[in-house]
Amino acid sequence: MAKFLAIASYTTDGMRELADHGASGRIEASKKLVAEAGGSIESFYYAFGSDDAFILIDLPDNVAAAATAIAAGASGVVVNRMVPLLTPAEIDEAVSRNLHMASHTR
């Protein structure tokens, strides 16, 4: 499973949903959506400011992440960004590949 950070800002309709169903109701709706894509929510935090929620999600791949983001955006209750997260080991591998490729261009 790959990890993603979903950053969501509620629309006016989303704020109405939050007011009507509470925070736990919105979290349950998010869990259902993510489960439909084959994933799970690791953590869900509300915030205030320009972003309303930060959700750490496990999903099978980028396609599942894109499908989840599209469905959430199409709902009309949130504007969202889906950020792929990489482990330190993945970055080490990327750096190694980059250095290997750079040595062949000299």
PDB file of N, CA and C in Angstrom:
ATOM      1  N   MET A   1       0.841  -1.184   0.000  1.00  0.00           N
ATOM      2  CA  MET A   1       0.000   0.000   0.000  1.00  0.00           C
ATOM      3  C   MET A   1       0.885   1.245   0.000  1.00  0.00           C
ATOM      4  N   ALA A   2       0.430   2.238  -0.704  1.00  0.00           N
ATOM      5  CA  ALA A   2       1.115   3.527  -0.749  1.00  0.00           C
ATOM      6  C   ALA A   2       0.403   4.494   0.190  1.00  0.00           C
ATOM      7  N   LYS A   3       1.156   5.450   0.696  1.00  0.00           N
ATOM      8  CA  LYS A   3       0.587   6.442   1.606  1.00  0.00           C
ATOM      9  C   LYS A   3       0.372   7.752   0.859  1.00  0.00           C
ATOM     10  N   PHE A   4      -0.745   8.397   1.215  1.00  0.00           N
ATOM     11  CA  PHE A   4      -1.094   9.686   0.639  1.00  0.00           C
ATOM     12  C   PHE A   4      -1.610  10.588   1.746  1.00  0.00           C
ATOM     13  N   LEU A   5      -1.378  11.883   1.566  1.00  0.00           N
ATOM     14  CA  LEU A   5      -1.946  12.882   2.462  1.00  0.00           C
ATOM     15  C   LEU A   5      -3.014  13.623   1.678  1.00  0.00           C
ATOM     16  N   ALA A   6      -4.255  13.488   2.114  1.00  0.00           N
ATOM     17  CA  ALA A   6      -5.345  14.247   1.513  1.00  0.00           C
ATOM     18  C   ALA A   6      -5.517  15.514   2.339  1.00  0.00           C
ATOM     19  N   ILE A   7      -5.489  16.641   1.660  1.00  0.00           N
ATOM     20  CA  ILE A   7      -5.690  17.933   2.308  1.00  0.00           C
ATOM     21  C   ILE A   7      -7.001  18.477   1.767  1.00  0.00           C
ATOM     22  N   ALA A   8      -7.964  18.678   2.657  1.00  0.00           N
ATOM     23  CA  ALA A   8      -9.303  19.061   2.220  1.00  0.00           C
ATOM     24  C   ALA A   8      -9.730  20.392   2.819  1.00  0.00           C
ATOM     25  N   SER A   9     -10.440  21.156   2.000  1.00  0.00           N
ATOM     26  CA  SER A   9     -11.084  22.385   2.450  1.00  0.00           C
ATOM     27  C   SER A   9     -12.562  22.254   2.115  1.00  0.00           C
ATOM     28  N   TYR A  10     -13.400  22.450   3.105  1.00  0.00           N
ATOM     29  CA  TYR A  10     -14.836  22.304   2.892  1.00  0.00           C
ATOM     30  C   TYR A  10     -15.400  23.471   2.094  1.00  0.00           C
ATOM     31  N   THR A  11     -16.311  23.145   1.190  1.00  0.00           N
ATOM     32  CA  THR A  11     -17.091  24.158   0.492  1.00  0.00           C
ATOM     33  C   THR A  11     -18.226  24.578   1.433  1.00  0.00           C
ATOM     34  N   THR A  12     -19.032  25.514   0.998  1.00  0.00           N
ATOM     35  CA  THR A  12     -20.188  25.907   1.799  1.00  0.00           C
ATOM     36  C   THR A  12     -21.095  24.707   2.038  1.00  0.00           C
ATOM     37  N   ASP A  13     -21.318  23.896   0.997  1.00  0.00           N
ATOM     38  CA  ASP A  13     -22.129  22.679   1.170  1.00  0.00           C
ATOM     39  C   ASP A  13     -21.469  21.721   2.150  1.00  0.00           C
ATOM     40  N   GLY A  14     -20.147  21.616   2.090  1.00  0.00           N
ATOM     41  CA  GLY A  14     -19.417  20.752   3.014  1.00  0.00           C
ATOM     42  C   GLY A  14     -19.554  21.206   4.452  1.00  0.00           C
ATOM     43  N   MET A  15     -19.523  22.511   4.662  1.00  0.00           N
ATOM     44  CA  MET A  15     -19.701  23.036   6.018  1.00  0.00           C
ATOM     45  C   MET A  15     -21.104  22.726   6.523  1.00  0.00           C
ATOM     46  N   ARG A  16     -22.100  22.785   5.628  1.00  0.00           N
ATOM     47  CA  ARG A  16     -23.469  22.415   6.024  1.00  0.00           C
ATOM     48  C   ARG A  16     -23.525  20.939   6.424  1.00  0.00           C
ATOM     49  N   GLU A  17     -22.862  20.086   5.627  1.00  0.00           N
ATOM     50  CA  GLU A  17     -22.813  18.650   5.942  1.00  0.00           C
ATOM     51  C   GLU A  17     -22.146  18.424   7.299  1.00  0.00           C
ATOM     52  N   LEU A  18     -21.054  19.144   7.534  1.00  0.00           N
ATOM     53  CA  LEU A  18     -20.348  19.030   8.809  1.00  0.00           C
ATOM     54  C   LEU A  18     -21.264  19.448   9.960  1.00  0.00           C
ATOM     55  N   ALA A  19     -21.975  20.555   9.777  1.00  0.00           N
ATOM     56  CA  ALA A  19     -22.886  21.031  10.815  1.00  0.00           C
ATOM     57  C   ALA A  19     -24.035  20.051  11.038  1.00  0.00           C
ATOM     58  N   ASP A  20     -24.529  19.440   9.952  1.00  0.00           N
ATOM     59  CA  ASP A  20     -25.664  18.514  10.059  1.00  0.00           C
ATOM     60  C   ASP A  20     -25.279  17.150  10.617  1.00  0.00           C
ATOM     61  N   HIS A  21     -24.102  16.655  10.250  1.00  0.00           N
ATOM     62  CA  HIS A  21     -23.719  15.281  10.590  1.00  0.00           C
ATOM     63  C   HIS A  21     -22.551  15.188  11.573  1.00  0.00           C
ATOM     64  N   GLY A  22     -21.965  16.308  11.928  1.00  0.00           N
ATOM     65  CA  GLY A  22     -20.854  16.305  12.862  1.00  0.00           C
ATOM     66  C   GLY A  22     -19.559  15.789  12.257  1.00  0.00           C
ATOM     67  N   ALA A  23     -18.502  15.960  12.999  1.00  0.00           N
ATOM     68  CA  ALA A  23     -17.172  15.546  12.536  1.00  0.00           C
ATOM     69  C   ALA A  23     -17.109  14.045  12.311  1.00  0.00           C
ATOM     70  N   SER A  24     -17.670  13.270  13.221  1.00  0.00           N
ATOM     71  CA  SER A  24     -17.592  11.814  13.082  1.00  0.00           C
ATOM     72  C   SER A  24     -18.370  11.340  11.854  1.00  0.00           C
ATOM     73  N   GLY A  25     -19.438  12.024  11.498  1.00  0.00           N
ATOM     74  CA  GLY A  25     -20.193  11.671  10.306  1.00  0.00           C
ATOM     75  C   GLY A  25     -19.384  11.884   9.035  1.00  0.00           C
ATOM     76  N   ARG A  26     -18.619  12.961   8.990  1.00  0.00           N
ATOM     77  CA  ARG A  26     -17.773  13.244   7.820  1.00  0.00           C
ATOM     78  C   ARG A  26     -16.623  12.241   7.755  1.00  0.00           C
ATOM     79  N   ILE A  27     -16.092  11.855   8.906  1.00  0.00           N
ATOM     80  CA  ILE A  27     -15.010  10.869   8.925  1.00  0.00           C
ATOM     81  C   ILE A  27     -15.525   9.530   8.419  1.00  0.00           C
ATOM     82  N   GLU A  28     -16.710   9.127   8.846  1.00  0.00           N
ATOM     83  CA  GLU A  28     -17.286   7.853   8.382  1.00  0.00           C
ATOM     84  C   GLU A  28     -17.506   7.874   6.871  1.00  0.00           C
ATOM     85  N   ALA A  29     -17.985   8.997   6.336  1.00  0.00           N
ATOM     86  CA  ALA A  29     -18.176   9.109   4.888  1.00  0.00           C
ATOM     87  C   ALA A  29     -16.836   8.987   4.170  1.00  0.00           C
ATOM     88  N   SER A  30     -15.788   9.581   4.736  1.00  0.00           N
ATOM     89  CA  SER A  30     -14.450   9.503   4.138  1.00  0.00           C
ATOM     90  C   SER A  30     -13.923   8.075   4.182  1.00  0.00           C
ATOM     91  N   LYS A  31     -14.132   7.392   5.303  1.00  0.00           N
ATOM     92  CA  LYS A  31     -13.687   5.998   5.432  1.00  0.00           C
ATOM     93  C   LYS A  31     -14.361   5.121   4.390  1.00  0.00           C
ATOM     94  N   LYS A  32     -15.648   5.334   4.163  1.00  0.00           N
ATOM     95  CA  LYS A  32     -16.386   4.550   3.179  1.00  0.00           C
ATOM     96  C   LYS A  32     -15.827   4.780   1.776  1.00  0.00           C
ATOM     97  N   LEU A  33     -15.585   6.028   1.419  1.00  0.00           N
ATOM     98  CA  LEU A  33     -15.039   6.357   0.098  1.00  0.00           C
ATOM     99  C   LEU A  33     -13.672   5.707  -0.103  1.00  0.00           C
ATOM    100  N   VAL A  34     -12.803   5.836   0.886  1.00  0.00           N
ATOM    101  CA  VAL A  34     -11.452   5.271   0.784  1.00  0.00           C
ATOM    102  C   VAL A  34     -11.521   3.743   0.709  1.00  0.00           C
ATOM    103  N   ALA A  35     -12.408   3.123   1.479  1.00  0.00           N
ATOM    104  CA  ALA A  35     -12.556   1.665   1.445  1.00  0.00           C
ATOM    105  C   ALA A  35     -13.013   1.193   0.065  1.00  0.00           C
ATOM    106  N   GLU A  36     -13.889   1.962  -0.578  1.00  0.00           N
ATOM    107  CA  GLU A  36     -14.346   1.610  -1.929  1.00  0.00           C
ATOM    108  C   GLU A  36     -13.188   1.588  -2.920  1.00  0.00           C
ATOM    109  N   ALA A  37     -12.137   2.350  -2.642  1.00  0.00           N
ATOM    110  CA  ALA A  37     -10.947   2.380  -3.506  1.00  0.00           C
ATOM    111  C   ALA A  37      -9.910   1.345  -3.072  1.00  0.00           C
ATOM    112  N   GLY A  38     -10.257   0.531  -2.073  1.00  0.00           N
ATOM    113  CA  GLY A  38      -9.339  -0.505  -1.613  1.00  0.00           C
ATOM    114  C   GLY A  38      -8.362  -0.055  -0.555  1.00  0.00           C
ATOM    115  N   GLY A  39      -8.641   1.070   0.099  1.00  0.00           N
ATOM    116  CA  GLY A  39      -7.702   1.603   1.080  1.00  0.00           C
ATOM    117  C   GLY A  39      -8.304   1.750   2.464  1.00  0.00           C
ATOM    118  N   SER A  40      -7.542   2.431   3.311  1.00  0.00           N
ATOM    119  CA  SER A  40      -7.988   2.703   4.674  1.00  0.00           C
ATOM    120  C   SER A  40      -7.413   4.035   5.140  1.00  0.00           C
ATOM    121  N   ILE A  41      -8.074   4.613   6.120  1.00  0.00           N
ATOM    122  CA  ILE A  41      -7.608   5.874   6.697  1.00  0.00           C
ATOM    123  C   ILE A  41      -6.795   5.559   7.945  1.00  0.00           C
ATOM    124  N   GLU A  42      -5.572   6.051   7.958  1.00  0.00           N
ATOM    125  CA  GLU A  42      -4.702   5.865   9.126  1.00  0.00           C
ATOM    126  C   GLU A  42      -5.012   6.898  10.197  1.00  0.00           C
ATOM    127  N   SER A  43      -5.211   8.149   9.782  1.00  0.00           N
ATOM    128  CA  SER A  43      -5.558   9.198  10.737  1.00  0.00           C
ATOM    129  C   SER A  43      -6.307  10.310  10.012  1.00  0.00           C
ATOM    130  N   PHE A  44      -7.111  11.039  10.775  1.00  0.00           N
ATOM    131  CA  PHE A  44      -7.930  12.112  10.227  1.00  0.00           C
ATOM    132  C   PHE A  44      -7.919  13.230  11.252  1.00  0.00           C
ATOM    133  N   TYR A  45      -7.415  14.381  10.865  1.00  0.00           N
ATOM    134  CA  TYR A  45      -7.355  15.528  11.765  1.00  0.00           C
ATOM    135  C   TYR A  45      -8.043  16.724  11.141  1.00  0.00           C
ATOM    136  N   TYR A  46      -8.840  17.408  11.945  1.00  0.00           N
ATOM    137  CA  TYR A  46      -9.414  18.672  11.532  1.00  0.00           C
ATOM    138  C   TYR A  46      -8.448  19.790  11.893  1.00  0.00           C
ATOM    139  N   ALA A  47      -8.539  20.880  11.150  1.00  0.00           N
ATOM    140  CA  ALA A  47      -7.695  22.046  11.391  1.00  0.00           C
ATOM    141  C   ALA A  47      -8.538  23.291  11.120  1.00  0.00           C
ATOM    142  N   PHE A  48      -7.981  24.429  11.390  1.00  0.00           N
ATOM    143  CA  PHE A  48      -8.644  25.657  10.972  1.00  0.00           C
ATOM    144  C   PHE A  48      -7.625  26.512  10.260  1.00  0.00           C
ATOM    145  N   GLY A  49      -8.110  27.383   9.421  1.00  0.00           N
ATOM    146  CA  GLY A  49      -7.254  28.158   8.534  1.00  0.00           C
ATOM    147  C   GLY A  49      -7.676  27.888   7.110  1.00  0.00           C
ATOM    148  N   SER A  50      -6.730  27.865   6.190  1.00  0.00           N
ATOM    149  CA  SER A  50      -7.093  27.659   4.785  1.00  0.00           C
ATOM    150  C   SER A  50      -7.438  26.202   4.486  1.00  0.00           C
ATOM    151  N   ASP A  51      -6.985  25.265   5.300  1.00  0.00           N
ATOM    152  CA  ASP A  51      -7.301  23.850   5.128  1.00  0.00           C
ATOM    153  C   ASP A  51      -8.106  23.372   6.331  1.00  0.00           C
ATOM    154  N   ASP A  52      -9.104  22.525   6.060  1.00  0.00           N
ATOM    155  CA  ASP A  52      -9.999  22.073   7.124  1.00  0.00           C
ATOM    156  C   ASP A  52      -9.694  20.680   7.646  1.00  0.00           C
ATOM    157  N   ALA A  53      -9.053  19.841   6.825  1.00  0.00           N
ATOM    158  CA  ALA A  53      -8.779  18.475   7.259  1.00  0.00           C
ATOM    159  C   ALA A  53      -7.499  17.952   6.619  1.00  0.00           C
ATOM    160  N   PHE A  54      -6.785  17.151   7.390  1.00  0.00           N
ATOM    161  CA  PHE A  54      -5.583  16.455   6.932  1.00  0.00           C
ATOM    162  C   PHE A  54      -5.813  14.975   7.198  1.00  0.00           C
ATOM    163  N   ILE A  55      -5.777  14.182   6.121  1.00  0.00           N
ATOM    164  CA  ILE A  55      -6.142  12.768   6.229  1.00  0.00           C
ATOM    165  C   ILE A  55      -5.000  11.919   5.696  1.00  0.00           C
ATOM    166  N   LEU A  56      -4.457  11.061   6.530  1.00  0.00           N
ATOM    167  CA  LEU A  56      -3.392  10.148   6.124  1.00  0.00           C
ATOM    168  C   LEU A  56      -4.047   8.850   5.669  1.00  0.00           C
ATOM    169  N   ILE A  57      -3.810   8.493   4.403  1.00  0.00           N
ATOM    170  CA  ILE A  57      -4.536   7.402   3.760  1.00  0.00           C
ATOM    171  C   ILE A  57      -3.573   6.366   3.202  1.00  0.00           C
ATOM    172  N   ASP A  58      -3.928   5.093   3.339  1.00  0.00           N
ATOM    173  CA  ASP A  58      -3.243   3.991   2.666  1.00  0.00           C
ATOM    174  C   ASP A  58      -4.117   3.588   1.488  1.00  0.00           C
ATOM    175  N   LEU A  59      -3.542   3.588   0.290  1.00  0.00           N
ATOM    176  CA  LEU A  59      -4.251   3.194  -0.923  1.00  0.00           C
ATOM    177  C   LEU A  59      -3.356   2.287  -1.750  1.00  0.00           C
ATOM    178  N   PRO A  60      -3.964   1.444  -2.591  1.00  0.00           N
ATOM    179  CA  PRO A  60      -3.155   0.502  -3.369  1.00  0.00           C
ATOM    180  C   PRO A  60      -2.152   1.159  -4.317  1.00  0.00           C
ATOM    181  N   ASP A  61      -2.533   2.292  -4.933  1.00  0.00           N
ATOM    182  CA  ASP A  61      -1.655   2.885  -5.944  1.00  0.00           C
ATOM    183  C   ASP A  61      -2.138   4.289  -6.310  1.00  0.00           C
ATOM    184  N   ASN A  62      -1.430   4.915  -7.241  1.00  0.00           N
ATOM    185  CA  ASN A  62      -1.770   6.270  -7.679  1.00  0.00           C
ATOM    186  C   ASN A  62      -3.149   6.343  -8.324  1.00  0.00           C
ATOM    187  N   VAL A  63      -3.540   5.304  -9.048  1.00  0.00           N
ATOM    188  CA  VAL A  63      -4.846   5.303  -9.707  1.00  0.00           C
ATOM    189  C   VAL A  63      -5.957   5.327  -8.658  1.00  0.00           C
ATOM    190  N   ALA A  64      -5.816   4.535  -7.609  1.00  0.00           N
ATOM    191  CA  ALA A  64      -6.800   4.536  -6.519  1.00  0.00           C
ATOM    192  C   ALA A  64      -6.832   5.899  -5.836  1.00  0.00           C
ATOM    193  N   ALA A  65      -5.676   6.522  -5.672  1.00  0.00           N
ATOM    194  CA  ALA A  65      -5.613   7.852  -5.065  1.00  0.00           C
ATOM    195  C   ALA A  65      -6.308   8.883  -5.953  1.00  0.00           C
ATOM    196  N   ALA A  66      -6.069   8.809  -7.249  1.00  0.00           N
ATOM    197  CA  ALA A  66      -6.714   9.737  -8.180  1.00  0.00           C
ATOM    198  C   ALA A  66      -8.227   9.540  -8.166  1.00  0.00           C
ATOM    199  N   ALA A  67      -8.670   8.281  -8.173  1.00  0.00           N
ATOM    200  CA  ALA A  67     -10.106   7.996  -8.154  1.00  0.00           C
ATOM    201  C   ALA A  67     -10.752   8.551  -6.886  1.00  0.00           C
ATOM    202  N   THR A  68     -10.071   8.397  -5.768  1.00  0.00           N
ATOM    203  CA  THR A  68     -10.584   8.900  -4.495  1.00  0.00           C
ATOM    204  C   THR A  68     -10.676  10.422  -4.523  1.00  0.00           C
ATOM    205  N   ALA A  69      -9.634  11.075  -5.000  1.00  0.00           N
ATOM    206  CA  ALA A  69      -9.623  12.539  -5.061  1.00  0.00           C
ATOM    207  C   ALA A  69     -10.702  13.058  -6.009  1.00  0.00           C
ATOM    208  N   ILE A  70     -10.875  12.386  -7.141  1.00  0.00           N
ATOM    209  CA  ILE A  70     -11.894  12.804  -8.106  1.00  0.00           C
ATOM    210  C   ILE A  70     -13.289  12.664  -7.497  1.00  0.00           C
ATOM    211  N   ALA A  71     -13.543  11.528  -6.853  1.00  0.00           N
ATOM    212  CA  ALA A  71     -14.855  11.303  -6.244  1.00  0.00           C
ATOM    213  C   ALA A  71     -15.130  12.316  -5.135  1.00  0.00           C
ATOM    214  N   ALA A  72     -14.140  12.597  -4.324  1.00  0.00           N
ATOM    215  CA  ALA A  72     -14.324  13.572  -3.240  1.00  0.00           C
ATOM    216  C   ALA A  72     -14.609  14.957  -3.813  1.00  0.00           C
ATOM    217  N   GLY A  73     -13.845  15.351  -4.816  1.00  0.00           N
ATOM    218  CA  GLY A  73     -14.064  16.657  -5.441  1.00  0.00           C
ATOM    219  C   GLY A  73     -15.413  16.751  -6.133  1.00  0.00           C
ATOM    220  N   ALA A  74     -15.825  15.658  -6.793  1.00  0.00           N
ATOM    221  CA  ALA A  74     -17.104  15.645  -7.510  1.00  0.00           C
ATOM    222  C   ALA A  74     -18.295  15.704  -6.559  1.00  0.00           C
ATOM    223  N   SER A  75     -18.075  15.350  -5.295  1.00  0.00           N
ATOM    224  CA  SER A  75     -19.169  15.384  -4.319  1.00  0.00           C
ATOM    225  C   SER A  75     -19.652  16.806  -4.070  1.00  0.00           C
ATOM    226  N   GLY A  76     -18.787  17.771  -4.320  1.00  0.00           N
ATOM    227  CA  GLY A  76     -19.149  19.161  -4.089  1.00  0.00           C
ATOM    228  C   GLY A  76     -18.983  19.625  -2.659  1.00  0.00           C
ATOM    229  N   VAL A  77     -18.545  18.740  -1.767  1.00  0.00           N
ATOM    230  CA  VAL A  77     -18.414  19.144  -0.365  1.00  0.00           C
ATOM    231  C   VAL A  77     -16.991  19.548   0.022  1.00  0.00           C
ATOM    232  N   VAL A  78     -16.025  19.188  -0.828  1.00  0.00           N
ATOM    233  CA  VAL A  78     -14.643  19.559  -0.523  1.00  0.00           C
ATOM    234  C   VAL A  78     -13.891  19.955  -1.793  1.00  0.00           C
ATOM    235  N   VAL A  79     -12.880  20.754  -1.590  1.00  0.00           N
ATOM    236  CA  VAL A  79     -11.824  20.978  -2.566  1.00  0.00           C
ATOM    237  C   VAL A  79     -10.628  20.286  -1.948  1.00  0.00           C
ATOM    238  N   ASN A  80      -9.960  19.410  -2.705  1.00  0.00           N
ATOM    239  CA  ASN A  80      -8.917  18.607  -2.071  1.00  0.00           C
ATOM    240  C   ASN A  80      -7.660  18.504  -2.916  1.00  0.00           C
ATOM    241  N   ARG A  81      -6.600  18.137  -2.224  1.00  0.00           N
ATOM    242  CA  ARG A  81      -5.316  17.810  -2.864  1.00  0.00           C
ATOM    243  C   ARG A  81      -4.900  16.458  -2.329  1.00  0.00           C
ATOM    244  N   MET A  82      -4.379  15.617  -3.211  1.00  0.00           N
ATOM    245  CA  MET A  82      -3.892  14.303  -2.801  1.00  0.00           C
ATOM    246  C   MET A  82      -2.379  14.323  -3.006  1.00  0.00           C
ATOM    247  N   VAL A  83      -1.636  14.199  -1.926  1.00  0.00           N
ATOM    248  CA  VAL A  83      -0.180  14.290  -1.954  1.00  0.00           C
ATOM    249  C   VAL A  83       0.419  12.905  -1.737  1.00  0.00           C
ATOM    250  N   PRO A  84       1.182  12.384  -2.711  1.00  0.00           N
ATOM    251  CA  PRO A  84       1.843  11.093  -2.478  1.00  0.00           C
ATOM    252  C   PRO A  84       2.967  11.273  -1.454  1.00  0.00           C
ATOM    253  N   LEU A  85       3.067  10.326  -0.538  1.00  0.00           N
ATOM    254  CA  LEU A  85       4.107  10.381   0.495  1.00  0.00           C
ATOM    255  C   LEU A  85       5.114   9.272   0.244  1.00  0.00           C
ATOM    256  N   LEU A  86       6.384   9.593   0.410  1.00  0.00           N
ATOM    257  CA  LEU A  86       7.458   8.630   0.184  1.00  0.00           C
ATOM    258  C   LEU A  86       8.208   8.370   1.476  1.00  0.00           C
ATOM    259  N   THR A  87       8.662   7.145   1.644  1.00  0.00           N
ATOM    260  CA  THR A  87       9.450   6.782   2.819  1.00  0.00           C
ATOM    261  C   THR A  87      10.892   7.239   2.621  1.00  0.00           C
ATOM    262  N   PRO A  88      11.670   7.331   3.704  1.00  0.00           N
ATOM    263  CA  PRO A  88      13.087   7.632   3.542  1.00  0.00           C
ATOM    264  C   PRO A  88      13.791   6.621   2.635  1.00  0.00           C
ATOM    265  N   ALA A  89      13.422   5.352   2.727  1.00  0.00           N
ATOM    266  CA  ALA A  89      14.039   4.330   1.870  1.00  0.00           C
ATOM    267  C   ALA A  89      13.748   4.592   0.394  1.00  0.00           C
ATOM    268  N   GLU A  90      12.542   5.040   0.091  1.00  0.00           N
ATOM    269  CA  GLU A  90      12.205   5.358  -1.301  1.00  0.00           C
ATOM    270  C   GLU A  90      13.011   6.551  -1.807  1.00  0.00           C
ATOM    271  N   ILE A  91      13.210   7.538  -0.961  1.00  0.00           N
ATOM    272  CA  ILE A  91      14.029   8.689  -1.363  1.00  0.00           C
ATOM    273  C   ILE A  91      15.475   8.263  -1.545  1.00  0.00           C
ATOM    274  N   ASP A  92      15.990   7.403  -0.652  1.00  0.00           N
ATOM    275  CA  ASP A  92      17.355   6.891  -0.819  1.00  0.00           C
ATOM    276  C   ASP A  92      17.500   6.179  -2.157  1.00  0.00           C
ATOM    277  N   GLU A  93      16.485   5.385  -2.518  1.00  0.00           N
ATOM    278  CA  GLU A  93      16.529   4.691  -3.808  1.00  0.00           C
ATOM    279  C   GLU A  93      16.498   5.689  -4.960  1.00  0.00           C
ATOM    280  N   ALA A  94      15.678   6.726  -4.838  1.00  0.00           N
ATOM    281  CA  ALA A  94      15.602   7.750  -5.886  1.00  0.00           C
ATOM    282  C   ALA A  94      16.930   8.474  -6.044  1.00  0.00           C
ATOM    283  N   VAL A  95      17.559   8.812  -4.934  1.00  0.00           N
ATOM    284  CA  VAL A  95      18.857   9.485  -4.980  1.00  0.00           C
ATOM    285  C   VAL A  95      19.891   8.572  -5.631  1.00  0.00           C
ATOM    286  N   SER A  96      19.853   7.306  -5.264  1.00  0.00           N
ATOM    287  CA  SER A  96      20.791   6.341  -5.836  1.00  0.00           C
ATOM    288  C   SER A  96      20.611   6.236  -7.347  1.00  0.00           C
ATOM    289  N   ARG A  97      19.392   6.161  -7.786  1.00  0.00           N
ATOM    290  CA  ARG A  97      19.119   6.093  -9.227  1.00  0.00           C
ATOM    291  C   ARG A  97      19.572   7.357  -9.926  1.00  0.00           C
ATOM    292  N   ASN A  98      19.324   8.491  -9.305  1.00  0.00           N
ATOM    293  CA  ASN A  98      19.712   9.764  -9.893  1.00  0.00           C
ATOM    294  C   ASN A  98      21.226   9.863 -10.017  1.00  0.00           C
ATOM    295  N   LEU A  99      21.965   9.479  -8.980  1.00  0.00           N
ATOM    296  CA  LEU A  99      23.414   9.546  -9.030  1.00  0.00           C
ATOM    297  C   LEU A  99      23.957   8.582 -10.077  1.00  0.00           C
ATOM    298  N   HIS A 100      23.354   7.421 -10.183  1.00  0.00           N
ATOM    299  CA  HIS A 100      23.772   6.442 -11.173  1.00  0.00           C
ATOM    300  C   HIS A 100      23.565   6.997 -12.585  1.00  0.00           C
ATOM    301  N   MET A 101      22.433   7.607 -12.816  1.00  0.00           N
ATOM    302  CA  MET A 101      22.143   8.171 -14.138  1.00  0.00           C
ATOM    303  C   MET A 101      23.059   9.343 -14.429  1.00  0.00           C
ATOM    304  N   ALA A 102      23.352  10.171 -13.419  1.00  0.00           N
ATOM    305  CA  ALA A 102      24.206  11.334 -13.636  1.00  0.00           C
ATOM    306  C   ALA A 102      25.623  10.915 -13.995  1.00  0.00           C
ATOM    307  N   SER A 103      26.100   9.804 -13.442  1.00  0.00           N
ATOM    308  CA  SER A 103      27.465   9.371 -13.749  1.00  0.00           C
ATOM    309  C   SER A 103      27.598   8.912 -15.207  1.00  0.00           C
ATOM    310  N   HIS A 104      26.513   8.551 -15.843  1.00  0.00           N
ATOM    311  CA  HIS A 104      26.538   8.101 -17.240  1.00  0.00           C
ATOM    312  C   HIS A 104      26.449   9.256 -18.231  1.00  0.00           C
ATOM    313  N   THR A 105      26.147  10.439 -17.739  1.00  0.00           N
ATOM    314  CA  THR A 105      26.016  11.575 -18.655  1.00  0.00           C
ATOM    315  C   THR A 105      27.270  12.428 -18.701  1.00  0.00           C
ATOM    316  N   ARG A 106      28.254  12.077 -17.955  1.00  0.00           N
ATOM    317  CA  ARG A 106      29.491  12.879 -17.914  1.00  0.00           C
ATOM    318  C   ARG A 106      30.467  12.421 -18.942  1.00  0.00           C
TER     319      ARG A 106
END
